[in-house]
Amino acid sequence: MSLFKSLFGPKTDYRELLSQGAVIVDVRSEGEFRGGHIKGSKNIPLDQLSSKASKLPKDKAIICCCASGVRSGSAKGMLKSKGFQEVYNGGGWRSLQSKIS
């Protein structure tokens, strides 16, 4: 196993996850989301995620994104603590968009 994989885990195939029905949750503010986002993503600002998590499917993968990956990392932890099994930190939305295009 390479040092990179041992430190960061295997590379995630976001396109494959989406083809299997994954949901992208953008946890930026509504204003940031209006300024640009991934087509089809759901905007649930991080400060509202805890109360709105029940609106997300627990039987599908959830890919969280934000501006840089910090808030989406927090979102991943929050969703995992609420019983979501397959949650990914997709990082910044622009970076994620380039990985799925």
C-alpha atoms as a PDB file:
ATOM      1  CA  MET A   1       0.000   0.000   0.000  1.00  0.00           C
ATOM      2  CA  SER A   2       1.347   3.409  -0.907  1.00  0.00           C
ATOM      3  CA  LEU A   3       2.070   5.992   1.770  1.00  0.00           C
ATOM      4  CA  PHE A   4      -0.657   8.240   0.308  1.00  0.00           C
ATOM      5  CA  LYS A   5      -3.294   5.508   0.525  1.00  0.00           C
ATOM      6  CA  SER A   6      -2.238   4.543   4.035  1.00  0.00           C
ATOM      7  CA  LEU A   7      -2.581   8.167   5.165  1.00  0.00           C
ATOM      8  CA  PHE A   8      -5.671   9.230   3.220  1.00  0.00           C
ATOM      9  CA  GLY A   9      -7.391   5.995   2.245  1.00  0.00           C
ATOM     10  CA  PRO A  10      -8.375   4.860  -1.235  1.00  0.00           C
ATOM     11  CA  LYS A  11      -9.406   7.407  -3.846  1.00  0.00           C
ATOM     12  CA  THR A  12     -13.165   7.899  -4.009  1.00  0.00           C
ATOM     13  CA  ASP A  13     -14.870   7.510  -7.388  1.00  0.00           C
ATOM     14  CA  TYR A  14     -17.528  10.218  -7.107  1.00  0.00           C
ATOM     15  CA  ARG A  15     -18.865   9.568 -10.611  1.00  0.00           C
ATOM     16  CA  GLU A  16     -19.531   5.962  -9.686  1.00  0.00           C
ATOM     17  CA  LEU A  17     -21.262   6.995  -6.457  1.00  0.00           C
ATOM     18  CA  LEU A  18     -23.507   9.381  -8.398  1.00  0.00           C
ATOM     19  CA  SER A  19     -24.354   6.700 -10.961  1.00  0.00           C
ATOM     20  CA  GLN A  20     -25.543   4.601  -8.006  1.00  0.00           C
ATOM     21  CA  GLY A  21     -27.840   7.376  -6.760  1.00  0.00           C
ATOM     22  CA  ALA A  22     -25.643   9.340  -4.362  1.00  0.00           C
ATOM     23  CA  VAL A  23     -26.911  12.734  -3.225  1.00  0.00           C
ATOM     24  CA  ILE A  24     -24.671  15.825  -3.196  1.00  0.00           C
ATOM     25  CA  VAL A  25     -25.337  18.112  -0.230  1.00  0.00           C
ATOM     26  CA  ASP A  26     -23.805  21.579  -0.465  1.00  0.00           C
ATOM     27  CA  VAL A  27     -23.481  22.941   3.081  1.00  0.00           C
ATOM     28  CA  ARG A  28     -22.588  26.528   2.139  1.00  0.00           C
ATOM     29  CA  SER A  29     -24.924  29.442   2.886  1.00  0.00           C
ATOM     30  CA  GLU A  30     -27.856  30.090   0.566  1.00  0.00           C
ATOM     31  CA  GLY A  31     -26.077  33.169  -0.810  1.00  0.00           C
ATOM     32  CA  GLU A  32     -22.921  31.193  -1.599  1.00  0.00           C
ATOM     33  CA  PHE A  33     -25.025  28.486  -3.248  1.00  0.00           C
ATOM     34  CA  ARG A  34     -26.829  31.045  -5.425  1.00  0.00           C
ATOM     35  CA  GLY A  35     -23.420  32.276  -6.589  1.00  0.00           C
ATOM     36  CA  GLY A  36     -22.701  28.867  -8.159  1.00  0.00           C
ATOM     37  CA  HIS A  37     -23.167  25.191  -7.370  1.00  0.00           C
ATOM     38  CA  ILE A  38     -23.167  21.696  -8.800  1.00  0.00           C
ATOM     39  CA  LYS A  39     -26.300  21.052 -10.844  1.00  0.00           C
ATOM     40  CA  GLY A  40     -28.673  18.799  -8.937  1.00  0.00           C
ATOM     41  CA  SER A  41     -27.046  19.335  -5.546  1.00  0.00           C
ATOM     42  CA  LYS A  42     -29.161  20.072  -2.475  1.00  0.00           C
ATOM     43  CA  ASN A  43     -28.356  23.180  -0.463  1.00  0.00           C
ATOM     44  CA  ILE A  44     -28.605  22.607   3.275  1.00  0.00           C
ATOM     45  CA  PRO A  45     -26.429  25.156   5.098  1.00  0.00           C
ATOM     46  CA  LEU A  46     -24.255  23.569   7.794  1.00  0.00           C
ATOM     47  CA  ASP A  47     -26.057  25.407  10.601  1.00  0.00           C
ATOM     48  CA  GLN A  48     -29.354  23.830   9.446  1.00  0.00           C
ATOM     49  CA  LEU A  49     -28.064  20.340   8.644  1.00  0.00           C
ATOM     50  CA  SER A  50     -28.738  18.802  12.035  1.00  0.00           C
ATOM     51  CA  SER A  51     -32.417  19.759  11.939  1.00  0.00           C
ATOM     52  CA  LYS A  52     -32.870  18.895   8.242  1.00  0.00           C
ATOM     53  CA  ALA A  53     -30.883  15.638   8.108  1.00  0.00           C
ATOM     54  CA  SER A  54     -34.099  13.619   8.265  1.00  0.00           C
ATOM     55  CA  LYS A  55     -34.918  14.890   4.757  1.00  0.00           C
ATOM     56  CA  LEU A  56     -31.913  12.997   3.359  1.00  0.00           C
ATOM     57  CA  PRO A  57     -32.070   9.332   2.328  1.00  0.00           C
ATOM     58  CA  LYS A  58     -30.189   7.005   4.681  1.00  0.00           C
ATOM     59  CA  ASP A  59     -30.066   4.270   2.034  1.00  0.00           C
ATOM     60  CA  LYS A  60     -27.956   6.279  -0.443  1.00  0.00           C
ATOM     61  CA  ALA A  61     -24.457   7.680  -0.325  1.00  0.00           C
ATOM     62  CA  ILE A  62     -24.232  11.330   0.703  1.00  0.00           C
ATOM     63  CA  ILE A  63     -21.443  13.502  -0.722  1.00  0.00           C
ATOM     64  CA  CYS A  64     -20.964  16.731   1.222  1.00  0.00           C
ATOM     65  CA  CYS A  65     -19.296  19.776  -0.325  1.00  0.00           C
ATOM     66  CA  CYS A  66     -18.707  23.426   0.555  1.00  0.00           C
ATOM     67  CA  ALA A  67     -16.193  26.080  -0.494  1.00  0.00           C
ATOM     68  CA  SER A  68     -12.973  24.463   0.723  1.00  0.00           C
ATOM     69  CA  GLY A  69     -13.766  21.163   2.426  1.00  0.00           C
ATOM     70  CA  VAL A  70     -13.799  22.355   6.046  1.00  0.00           C
ATOM     71  CA  ARG A  71     -17.565  22.694   6.497  1.00  0.00           C
ATOM     72  CA  SER A  72     -18.203  19.549   4.455  1.00  0.00           C
ATOM     73  CA  GLY A  73     -15.857  17.678   6.813  1.00  0.00           C
ATOM     74  CA  SER A  74     -17.967  18.860   9.750  1.00  0.00           C
ATOM     75  CA  ALA A  75     -21.120  17.874   7.855  1.00  0.00           C
ATOM     76  CA  LYS A  76     -19.764  14.372   7.278  1.00  0.00           C
ATOM     77  CA  GLY A  77     -19.129  13.918  10.996  1.00  0.00           C
ATOM     78  CA  MET A  78     -22.563  15.250  11.883  1.00  0.00           C
ATOM     79  CA  LEU A  79     -24.346  12.925   9.454  1.00  0.00           C
ATOM     80  CA  LYS A  80     -22.314   9.915  10.593  1.00  0.00           C
ATOM     81  CA  SER A  81     -23.308  10.691  14.203  1.00  0.00           C
ATOM     82  CA  LYS A  82     -26.965  10.676  13.071  1.00  0.00           C
ATOM     83  CA  GLY A  83     -26.667   7.153  11.673  1.00  0.00           C
ATOM     84  CA  PHE A  84     -25.855   7.795   8.020  1.00  0.00           C
ATOM     85  CA  GLN A  85     -23.569   4.962   6.924  1.00  0.00           C
ATOM     86  CA  GLU A  86     -22.054   6.127   3.646  1.00  0.00           C
ATOM     87  CA  VAL A  87     -21.000   9.781   3.836  1.00  0.00           C
ATOM     88  CA  TYR A  88     -18.121  11.399   1.946  1.00  0.00           C
ATOM     89  CA  ASN A  89     -16.368  14.730   2.230  1.00  0.00           C
ATOM     90  CA  GLY A  90     -16.275  15.842  -1.400  1.00  0.00           C
ATOM     91  CA  GLY A  91     -14.315  18.974  -0.454  1.00  0.00           C
ATOM     92  CA  GLY A  92     -14.768  22.227  -2.320  1.00  0.00           C
ATOM     93  CA  TRP A  93     -17.674  22.237  -4.757  1.00  0.00           C
ATOM     94  CA  ARG A  94     -15.576  23.388  -7.717  1.00  0.00           C
ATOM     95  CA  SER A  95     -13.041  20.639  -7.134  1.00  0.00           C
ATOM     96  CA  LEU A  96     -15.831  18.071  -6.771  1.00  0.00           C
ATOM     97  CA  GLN A  97     -17.474  19.330  -9.950  1.00  0.00           C
ATOM     98  CA  SER A  98     -14.258  18.718 -11.887  1.00  0.00           C
ATOM     99  CA  LYS A  99     -14.129  15.152 -10.524  1.00  0.00           C
ATOM    100  CA  ILE A 100     -17.651  14.313 -11.686  1.00  0.00           C
ATOM    101  CA  SER A 101     -17.712  16.098 -15.044  1.00  0.00           C
END
